[in-house]
Amino acid sequence: MINGMGSNVAGITGATSASGAPSTSAAGGSSFADTLKSSIDEVSRLQQDATKAVDDLATGKSEDVTGVMSAVEKSDLAFKTLLAIRAKLLDAYDEIKGMSV
């Protein structure tokens, strides 16, 4: 998927334990918040790389048009994936919020 983002998303199990403390997944050992933060950081890094590649192409420092297009597309795909994950999380939150206790 996106430079490790797929494995981060697949490793998400639960946000908190019964005591309310952040739980860790058995496989990766990272909490939901850590996984989400690392995925957001990865998307940010890809966007910065794409911006730098476009700037280098525009200023003549680079002539690798295919590399620039690849960086821009990778950044775009990562951002769209992050937006889809956000939408799913908001849908889950709305569903949980609507449950009667």
Protein backbone atom coordinates (compact mmCIF):
# COMPACT_ATOMS: atom_id res chain seq x y z
CA MET A 1 0.00 0.00 0.00
CA ILE A 2 1.64 3.28 1.09
CA ASN A 3 5.19 2.72 2.34
CA GLY A 4 4.18 0.79 5.42
CA MET A 5 0.83 2.50 5.96
CA GLY A 6 -1.00 -0.66 4.98
CA SER A 7 0.72 -2.65 7.70
CA ASN A 8 0.02 0.11 10.22
CA VAL A 9 -3.66 0.14 9.41
CA ALA A 10 -3.87 -3.66 9.45
CA GLY A 11 -2.32 -3.74 12.93
CA ILE A 12 -5.06 -1.65 14.53
CA THR A 13 -7.01 -3.68 17.09
CA GLY A 14 -8.50 -1.57 19.85
CA ALA A 15 -8.22 1.90 21.32
CA THR A 16 -8.58 1.22 25.03
CA SER A 17 -8.68 -1.67 27.44
CA ALA A 18 -11.41 -2.34 29.98
CA SER A 19 -9.58 -0.14 32.52
CA GLY A 20 -9.58 2.78 30.09
CA ALA A 21 -5.83 2.65 29.52
CA PRO A 22 -4.54 2.53 25.96
CA SER A 23 -4.16 -1.05 24.84
CA THR A 24 -1.52 -2.40 22.51
CA SER A 25 -1.97 -4.81 19.69
CA ALA A 26 -0.46 -8.23 20.17
CA ALA A 27 1.34 -8.18 16.84
CA GLY A 28 2.87 -4.71 16.68
CA GLY A 29 2.78 -3.56 20.27
CA SER A 30 1.69 -0.04 19.32
CA SER A 31 -1.48 1.69 20.43
CA PHE A 32 -4.20 2.91 18.10
CA ALA A 33 -3.15 6.52 18.65
CA ASP A 34 0.50 5.72 17.86
CA THR A 35 -0.50 3.89 14.70
CA LEU A 36 -2.76 6.72 13.58
CA LYS A 37 -0.09 9.34 14.32
CA SER A 38 2.58 7.44 12.41
CA SER A 39 0.24 7.12 9.42
CA ILE A 40 -0.48 10.86 9.49
CA ASP A 41 3.25 11.59 9.76
CA GLU A 42 3.92 9.35 6.75
CA VAL A 43 1.30 11.17 4.66
CA SER A 44 2.80 14.50 5.70
CA ARG A 45 6.28 13.33 4.73
CA LEU A 46 5.03 12.16 1.32
CA GLN A 47 3.35 15.52 0.72
CA GLN A 48 6.56 17.37 1.65
CA ASP A 49 8.56 15.11 -0.69
CA ALA A 50 6.13 15.80 -3.53
CA THR A 51 6.26 19.56 -2.91
CA LYS A 52 10.07 19.52 -2.92
CA ALA A 53 10.12 17.46 -6.12
CA VAL A 54 7.76 19.91 -7.86
CA ASP A 55 9.84 22.88 -6.64
CA ASP A 56 13.05 21.23 -7.87
CA LEU A 57 11.48 20.61 -11.27
CA ALA A 58 10.17 24.17 -11.50
CA THR A 59 13.53 25.72 -10.59
CA GLY A 60 15.50 23.46 -12.92
CA LYS A 61 17.33 21.53 -10.19
CA SER A 62 15.80 18.32 -11.53
CA GLU A 63 14.64 17.13 -14.92
CA ASP A 64 13.04 13.88 -13.71
CA VAL A 65 9.42 14.49 -14.71
CA THR A 66 8.40 10.86 -14.14
CA GLY A 67 9.91 10.93 -10.65
CA VAL A 68 8.00 14.10 -9.85
CA MET A 69 4.74 12.67 -11.16
CA SER A 70 5.34 9.50 -9.17
CA ALA A 71 5.93 11.48 -5.96
CA VAL A 72 2.81 13.59 -6.55
CA GLU A 73 0.64 10.54 -7.27
CA LYS A 74 2.00 8.68 -4.24
CA SER A 75 1.23 11.71 -2.08
CA ASP A 76 -2.26 12.02 -3.56
CA LEU A 77 -3.02 8.34 -2.98
CA ALA A 78 -1.76 8.51 0.61
CA PHE A 79 -3.90 11.57 1.32
CA LYS A 80 -7.02 10.02 -0.22
CA THR A 81 -6.43 6.85 1.80
CA LEU A 82 -6.10 8.91 4.98
CA LEU A 83 -9.35 10.73 4.17
CA ALA A 84 -11.11 7.40 3.64
CA ILE A 85 -9.82 6.13 7.00
CA ARG A 86 -11.01 9.36 8.64
CA ALA A 87 -14.46 8.94 7.10
CA LYS A 88 -14.70 5.36 8.37
CA LEU A 89 -13.62 6.43 11.85
CA LEU A 90 -16.23 9.19 11.91
CA ASP A 91 -18.91 6.75 10.73
CA ALA A 92 -17.93 4.34 13.50
CA TYR A 93 -17.99 7.16 16.05
CA ASP A 94 -21.46 8.26 14.91
CA GLU A 95 -22.69 4.66 15.13
CA ILE A 96 -21.28 4.24 18.65
CA LYS A 97 -22.69 7.62 19.69
CA GLY A 98 -26.15 6.52 18.58
CA MET A 99 -26.12 3.33 20.66
CA SER A 100 -28.23 3.26 23.78
CA VAL A 101 -26.49 2.10 26.93
